Amino acid sequence: SSDDDNSVSINSDLVGAWSAIITDSTGATANQILTLNSDATGSVSNLWDNGEIWSSAVVWSSTSATLTLTTSENNETDSAEYELSNNNDTCVITLSNGIVNVYTRI
């Protein structure tokens, strides 16, 4: 990280591509690919069980325990607790609504 006042805080252990089966509040599931780049940009792509595809560019930041994503598609910002394990190849993300998603590094 740099000493720039504009720099965004990120945990470099999160940088990379991640895959998970996610569940929304209605119980629908999707195969999600989350890509987090070292410049605090990235993308998210969901292939829902009904065949619908949703994707968006994201900007992200993190602390040692919280991941914050803002999607460009709907300009929503969400923060969630995360925990890395398995040599940083598994990331468990707990959303504010209590839903837990387990991501595996691709």
Protein backbone atom coordinates (compact mmCIF):
# COMPACT_ATOMS: atom_id res chain seq x y z
CA SER A 1 0.00 0.00 0.00
CA SER A 2 1.07 3.55 -0.65
CA ASP A 3 1.01 6.66 1.53
CA ASP A 4 -1.49 8.33 -0.80
CA ASP A 5 -4.40 9.94 1.00
CA ASN A 6 -6.63 8.57 -1.80
CA SER A 7 -5.51 4.97 -1.48
CA VAL A 8 -8.11 2.36 -0.67
CA SER A 9 -7.46 -0.19 2.02
CA ILE A 10 -7.48 -3.75 0.71
CA ASN A 11 -6.33 -7.09 2.07
CA SER A 12 -4.07 -8.46 -0.69
CA ASP A 13 -4.98 -12.01 0.43
CA LEU A 14 -8.43 -11.39 -1.09
CA VAL A 15 -7.08 -10.51 -4.55
CA GLY A 16 -8.02 -13.11 -7.14
CA ALA A 17 -11.01 -14.96 -8.56
CA TRP A 18 -13.48 -16.71 -6.26
CA SER A 19 -16.40 -19.06 -6.89
CA ALA A 20 -19.41 -19.84 -4.68
CA ILE A 21 -22.96 -21.08 -4.81
CA ILE A 22 -24.95 -18.20 -3.31
CA THR A 23 -28.54 -18.03 -2.08
CA ASP A 24 -30.71 -14.92 -2.18
CA SER A 25 -33.43 -13.95 0.29
CA THR A 26 -36.06 -15.88 -1.74
CA GLY A 27 -34.04 -19.11 -1.68
CA ALA A 28 -32.95 -18.93 -5.32
CA THR A 29 -29.36 -20.03 -5.92
CA ALA A 30 -26.66 -18.89 -8.31
CA ASN A 31 -23.13 -19.85 -9.24
CA GLN A 32 -21.24 -16.64 -8.49
CA ILE A 33 -17.80 -15.67 -9.75
CA LEU A 34 -16.27 -12.79 -7.79
CA THR A 35 -13.05 -11.26 -9.10
CA LEU A 36 -11.13 -8.85 -6.87
CA ASN A 37 -8.22 -6.99 -8.47
CA SER A 38 -5.27 -5.45 -6.63
CA ASP A 39 -6.29 -1.94 -7.80
CA ALA A 40 -9.59 -2.21 -5.81
CA THR A 41 -11.68 -2.90 -8.93
CA GLY A 42 -13.26 -6.17 -9.91
CA SER A 43 -16.37 -7.88 -11.17
CA VAL A 44 -19.17 -10.14 -10.04
CA SER A 45 -21.17 -12.52 -12.21
CA ASN A 46 -24.16 -14.65 -11.16
CA LEU A 47 -25.65 -17.54 -13.15
CA TRP A 48 -29.01 -18.09 -11.42
CA ASP A 49 -30.75 -21.45 -11.25
CA ASN A 50 -33.50 -20.10 -13.58
CA GLY A 51 -30.87 -19.37 -16.26
CA GLU A 52 -30.77 -15.62 -15.66
CA ILE A 53 -27.32 -14.05 -15.82
CA TRP A 54 -26.45 -10.92 -13.83
CA SER A 55 -23.07 -9.25 -13.79
CA SER A 56 -21.51 -5.98 -12.70
CA ALA A 57 -18.23 -4.22 -12.31
CA VAL A 58 -17.34 -3.57 -8.67
CA VAL A 59 -15.07 -1.42 -6.57
CA TRP A 60 -14.02 -2.89 -3.26
CA SER A 61 -12.16 -2.29 -0.05
CA SER A 62 -11.49 -4.32 3.05
CA THR A 63 -10.24 -4.33 6.57
CA SER A 64 -8.86 -7.42 8.27
CA ALA A 65 -12.43 -8.67 8.83
CA THR A 66 -14.85 -6.66 6.64
CA LEU A 67 -15.25 -6.66 2.85
CA THR A 68 -17.11 -3.76 1.21
CA LEU A 69 -18.31 -4.00 -2.41
CA THR A 70 -20.03 -1.37 -4.54
CA THR A 71 -21.60 -2.62 -7.77
CA SER A 72 -21.76 -0.32 -10.79
CA GLU A 73 -24.88 -2.06 -12.13
CA ASN A 74 -27.18 -0.81 -9.34
CA ASN A 75 -24.75 1.38 -7.37
CA GLU A 76 -25.40 -0.61 -4.19
CA THR A 77 -22.78 -0.84 -1.47
CA ASP A 78 -22.72 -3.89 0.77
CA SER A 79 -20.40 -4.75 3.61
CA ALA A 80 -19.95 -8.22 5.04
CA GLU A 81 -17.73 -9.99 7.52
CA TYR A 82 -15.23 -12.42 6.00
CA GLU A 83 -12.80 -15.03 7.22
CA LEU A 84 -10.00 -16.59 5.19
CA SER A 85 -8.86 -20.17 5.81
CA ASN A 86 -7.24 -23.13 4.05
CA ASN A 87 -4.06 -21.17 3.14
CA ASN A 88 -6.27 -18.27 1.96
CA ASP A 89 -7.98 -20.50 -0.63
CA THR A 90 -11.34 -20.45 1.20
CA CYS A 91 -13.23 -17.29 2.11
CA VAL A 92 -16.37 -17.47 4.23
CA ILE A 93 -18.47 -14.32 3.82
CA THR A 94 -21.30 -13.60 6.26
CA LEU A 95 -23.78 -11.04 4.95
CA SER A 96 -25.62 -8.57 7.17
CA ASN A 97 -28.83 -10.59 6.69
CA GLY A 98 -27.13 -13.67 8.15
CA ILE A 99 -26.63 -15.55 4.88
CA VAL A 100 -23.24 -17.30 4.78
CA ASN A 101 -21.49 -17.95 1.45
CA VAL A 102 -18.35 -20.07 1.15
CA TYR A 103 -16.03 -19.00 -1.67
CA THR A 104 -13.22 -21.11 -3.12
CA ARG A 105 -10.27 -19.54 -4.93
CA ILE A 106 -10.31 -20.39 -8.65
